Amino acid sequence: MFIISYIMKESMRILPKGKKILLRVGENIKLARLRRKITTEQIAERAGISRATLWQIEKGTHTVTMGAYFQVLFALGMEQDFLKLAADDELGRKLQDAGLVPKERAPKKKMNNGNHN
């Protein structure tokens, strides 16, 4: 099991910009915990994760599962923040709108002798 886990962690590459974002997410989670005056033990227990995993989340480690990040947000009462991920897809909407071309309507069929075709 360790070998598989090690291989998976080594194969994942995160760009520096991605690492900075995850670091900021981790810091935000830690600040939210500290503002609530909740210990690492309490959050880890509520989230169903180990303290070591919580420590990795608060450091913005990219190998921690998204589910673990969600569990911590849930334990902090911030699960709705998870819905904000990719919610504002400005670039995607612009690309979609640029590709939308109104379809032309087919010409109306002529009626012969009162019969509808």
C-alpha atoms as a PDB file:
ATOM      1  CA  MET A   1       0.000   0.000   0.000  1.00  0.00           C
ATOM      2  CA  PHE A   2       2.819   2.423   0.838  1.00  0.00           C
ATOM      3  CA  ILE A   3       4.417   1.879  -2.586  1.00  0.00           C
ATOM      4  CA  ILE A   4       1.161   2.669  -4.429  1.00  0.00           C
ATOM      5  CA  SER A   5       0.583   5.760  -2.303  1.00  0.00           C
ATOM      6  CA  TYR A   6       4.166   6.908  -2.857  1.00  0.00           C
ATOM      7  CA  ILE A   7       3.910   6.438  -6.635  1.00  0.00           C
ATOM      8  CA  MET A   8       0.646   8.390  -6.778  1.00  0.00           C
ATOM      9  CA  LYS A   9       2.101  11.273  -4.780  1.00  0.00           C
ATOM     10  CA  GLU A  10       5.236  11.400  -6.908  1.00  0.00           C
ATOM     11  CA  SER A  11       3.323  11.405 -10.207  1.00  0.00           C
ATOM     12  CA  MET A  12       1.223  14.462  -9.307  1.00  0.00           C
ATOM     13  CA  ARG A  13       2.829  17.708 -10.361  1.00  0.00           C
ATOM     14  CA  ILE A  14       1.483  21.051  -9.191  1.00  0.00           C
ATOM     15  CA  LEU A  15       2.548  24.288 -10.810  1.00  0.00           C
ATOM     16  CA  PRO A  16       3.974  27.008  -8.547  1.00  0.00           C
ATOM     17  CA  LYS A  17       0.824  29.123  -8.973  1.00  0.00           C
ATOM     18  CA  GLY A  18      -1.279  26.153  -7.839  1.00  0.00           C
ATOM     19  CA  LYS A  19       0.939  25.627  -4.813  1.00  0.00           C
ATOM     20  CA  LYS A  20       0.510  29.278  -3.819  1.00  0.00           C
ATOM     21  CA  ILE A  21      -3.269  28.974  -4.071  1.00  0.00           C
ATOM     22  CA  LEU A  22      -3.334  25.800  -1.959  1.00  0.00           C
ATOM     23  CA  LEU A  23      -1.043  27.443   0.589  1.00  0.00           C
ATOM     24  CA  ARG A  24      -3.509  30.327   0.843  1.00  0.00           C
ATOM     25  CA  VAL A  25      -6.459  27.929   1.202  1.00  0.00           C
ATOM     26  CA  GLY A  26      -4.630  26.147   4.017  1.00  0.00           C
ATOM     27  CA  GLU A  27      -3.863  29.429   5.745  1.00  0.00           C
ATOM     28  CA  ASN A  28      -7.508  30.503   5.432  1.00  0.00           C
ATOM     29  CA  ILE A  29      -8.665  27.234   6.986  1.00  0.00           C
ATOM     30  CA  LYS A  30      -6.196  27.603   9.845  1.00  0.00           C
ATOM     31  CA  LEU A  31      -7.278  31.205  10.472  1.00  0.00           C
ATOM     32  CA  ALA A  32     -10.938  30.128  10.511  1.00  0.00           C
ATOM     33  CA  ARG A  33     -10.101  27.455  13.098  1.00  0.00           C
ATOM     34  CA  LEU A  34      -8.140  29.891  15.242  1.00  0.00           C
ATOM     35  CA  ARG A  35     -10.897  32.540  15.078  1.00  0.00           C
ATOM     36  CA  ARG A  36     -13.313  29.935  16.413  1.00  0.00           C
ATOM     37  CA  LYS A  37     -10.816  28.976  19.134  1.00  0.00           C
ATOM     38  CA  ILE A  38     -11.041  25.303  18.156  1.00  0.00           C
ATOM     39  CA  THR A  39      -8.044  23.039  18.708  1.00  0.00           C
ATOM     40  CA  THR A  40      -6.502  20.841  16.053  1.00  0.00           C
ATOM     41  CA  GLU A  41      -7.623  17.822  18.075  1.00  0.00           C
ATOM     42  CA  GLN A  42     -11.246  18.998  18.044  1.00  0.00           C
ATOM     43  CA  ILE A  43     -11.357  19.715  14.304  1.00  0.00           C
ATOM     44  CA  ALA A  44      -9.555  16.504  13.413  1.00  0.00           C
ATOM     45  CA  GLU A  45     -12.024  14.507  15.511  1.00  0.00           C
ATOM     46  CA  ARG A  46     -15.068  16.318  14.085  1.00  0.00           C
ATOM     47  CA  ALA A  47     -13.759  15.920  10.537  1.00  0.00           C
ATOM     48  CA  GLY A  48     -12.859  12.265  11.019  1.00  0.00           C
ATOM     49  CA  ILE A  49      -9.229  12.779  10.034  1.00  0.00           C
ATOM     50  CA  SER A  50      -5.912  12.584  11.835  1.00  0.00           C
ATOM     51  CA  ARG A  51      -4.176  15.623  13.276  1.00  0.00           C
ATOM     52  CA  ALA A  52      -1.365  14.989  10.801  1.00  0.00           C
ATOM     53  CA  THR A  53      -3.824  15.286   7.908  1.00  0.00           C
ATOM     54  CA  LEU A  54      -5.243  18.488   9.382  1.00  0.00           C
ATOM     55  CA  TRP A  55      -1.713  19.837   9.692  1.00  0.00           C
ATOM     56  CA  GLN A  56      -1.145  19.047   5.978  1.00  0.00           C
ATOM     57  CA  ILE A  57      -4.418  20.768   5.043  1.00  0.00           C
ATOM     58  CA  GLU A  58      -3.456  23.871   6.994  1.00  0.00           C
ATOM     59  CA  LYS A  59      -0.130  23.888   5.142  1.00  0.00           C
ATOM     60  CA  GLY A  60      -1.938  23.596   1.780  1.00  0.00           C
ATOM     61  CA  THR A  61      -0.513  20.202   0.872  1.00  0.00           C
ATOM     62  CA  HIS A  62      -1.712  19.095  -2.565  1.00  0.00           C
ATOM     63  CA  THR A  63      -1.690  15.369  -1.838  1.00  0.00           C
ATOM     64  CA  VAL A  64      -4.524  15.578   0.701  1.00  0.00           C
ATOM     65  CA  THR A  65      -7.859  14.513  -0.773  1.00  0.00           C
ATOM     66  CA  MET A  66     -10.518  17.016  -1.628  1.00  0.00           C
ATOM     67  CA  GLY A  67     -12.836  15.082   0.664  1.00  0.00           C
ATOM     68  CA  ALA A  68     -10.586  15.776   3.644  1.00  0.00           C
ATOM     69  CA  TYR A  69     -10.570  19.492   2.838  1.00  0.00           C
ATOM     70  CA  PHE A  70     -14.389  19.344   2.648  1.00  0.00           C
ATOM     71  CA  GLN A  71     -14.668  17.521   5.977  1.00  0.00           C
ATOM     72  CA  VAL A  72     -12.620  20.230   7.677  1.00  0.00           C
ATOM     73  CA  LEU A  73     -14.750  22.975   6.137  1.00  0.00           C
ATOM     74  CA  PHE A  74     -17.843  21.086   7.302  1.00  0.00           C
ATOM     75  CA  ALA A  75     -16.437  20.770  10.831  1.00  0.00           C
ATOM     76  CA  LEU A  76     -15.857  24.538  10.813  1.00  0.00           C
ATOM     77  CA  GLY A  77     -19.405  25.206   9.589  1.00  0.00           C
ATOM     78  CA  MET A  78     -18.065  26.492   6.285  1.00  0.00           C
ATOM     79  CA  GLU A  79     -19.256  23.741   3.940  1.00  0.00           C
ATOM     80  CA  GLN A  80     -21.087  26.295   1.755  1.00  0.00           C
ATOM     81  CA  ASP A  81     -17.687  27.744   0.830  1.00  0.00           C
ATOM     82  CA  PHE A  82     -17.020  24.496  -1.023  1.00  0.00           C
ATOM     83  CA  LEU A  83     -19.810  25.388  -3.449  1.00  0.00           C
ATOM     84  CA  LYS A  84     -17.883  28.491  -4.457  1.00  0.00           C
ATOM     85  CA  LEU A  85     -15.249  26.375  -6.189  1.00  0.00           C
ATOM     86  CA  ALA A  86     -15.514  26.953  -9.941  1.00  0.00           C
ATOM     87  CA  ALA A  87     -18.890  28.669  -9.442  1.00  0.00           C
ATOM     88  CA  ASP A  88     -17.886  31.805 -11.331  1.00  0.00           C
ATOM     89  CA  ASP A  89     -16.609  30.453 -14.643  1.00  0.00           C
ATOM     90  CA  GLU A  90     -16.182  33.798 -16.370  1.00  0.00           C
ATOM     91  CA  LEU A  91     -13.832  32.497 -19.079  1.00  0.00           C
ATOM     92  CA  GLY A  92     -16.044  29.480 -19.789  1.00  0.00           C
ATOM     93  CA  ARG A  93     -19.126  31.687 -20.180  1.00  0.00           C
ATOM     94  CA  LYS A  94     -17.266  34.016 -22.555  1.00  0.00           C
ATOM     95  CA  LEU A  95     -16.110  31.063 -24.657  1.00  0.00           C
ATOM     96  CA  GLN A  96     -19.605  29.622 -24.681  1.00  0.00           C
ATOM     97  CA  ASP A  97     -21.183  32.938 -25.638  1.00  0.00           C
ATOM     98  CA  ALA A  98     -18.646  33.454 -28.442  1.00  0.00           C
ATOM     99  CA  GLY A  99     -19.584  30.085 -29.933  1.00  0.00           C
ATOM    100  CA  LEU A 100     -23.340  30.630 -29.776  1.00  0.00           C
ATOM    101  CA  VAL A 101     -24.735  31.406 -33.201  1.00  0.00           C
ATOM    102  CA  PRO A 102     -28.482  31.804 -33.511  1.00  0.00           C
ATOM    103  CA  LYS A 103     -29.934  29.124 -35.750  1.00  0.00           C
ATOM    104  CA  GLU A 104     -31.865  30.257 -38.754  1.00  0.00           C
ATOM    105  CA  ARG A 105     -35.449  29.163 -38.911  1.00  0.00           C
ATOM    106  CA  ALA A 106     -36.484  26.919 -41.729  1.00  0.00           C
ATOM    107  CA  PRO A 107     -38.785  28.593 -44.225  1.00  0.00           C
ATOM    108  CA  LYS A 108     -42.479  28.016 -43.698  1.00  0.00           C
ATOM    109  CA  LYS A 109     -44.054  25.394 -45.890  1.00  0.00           C
ATOM    110  CA  LYS A 110     -46.662  26.549 -48.364  1.00  0.00           C
ATOM    111  CA  MET A 111     -50.113  25.046 -48.072  1.00  0.00           C
ATOM    112  CA  ASN A 112     -51.758  23.463 -51.097  1.00  0.00           C
ATOM    113  CA  ASN A 113     -55.533  23.487 -51.408  1.00  0.00           C
ATOM    114  CA  GLY A 114     -56.054  23.831 -47.687  1.00  0.00           C
ATOM    115  CA  ASN A 115     -54.080  20.640 -46.947  1.00  0.00           C
ATOM    116  CA  HIS A 116     -51.354  20.903 -44.369  1.00  0.00           C
ATOM    117  CA  ASN A 117     -48.077  19.093 -45.157  1.00  0.00           C
END
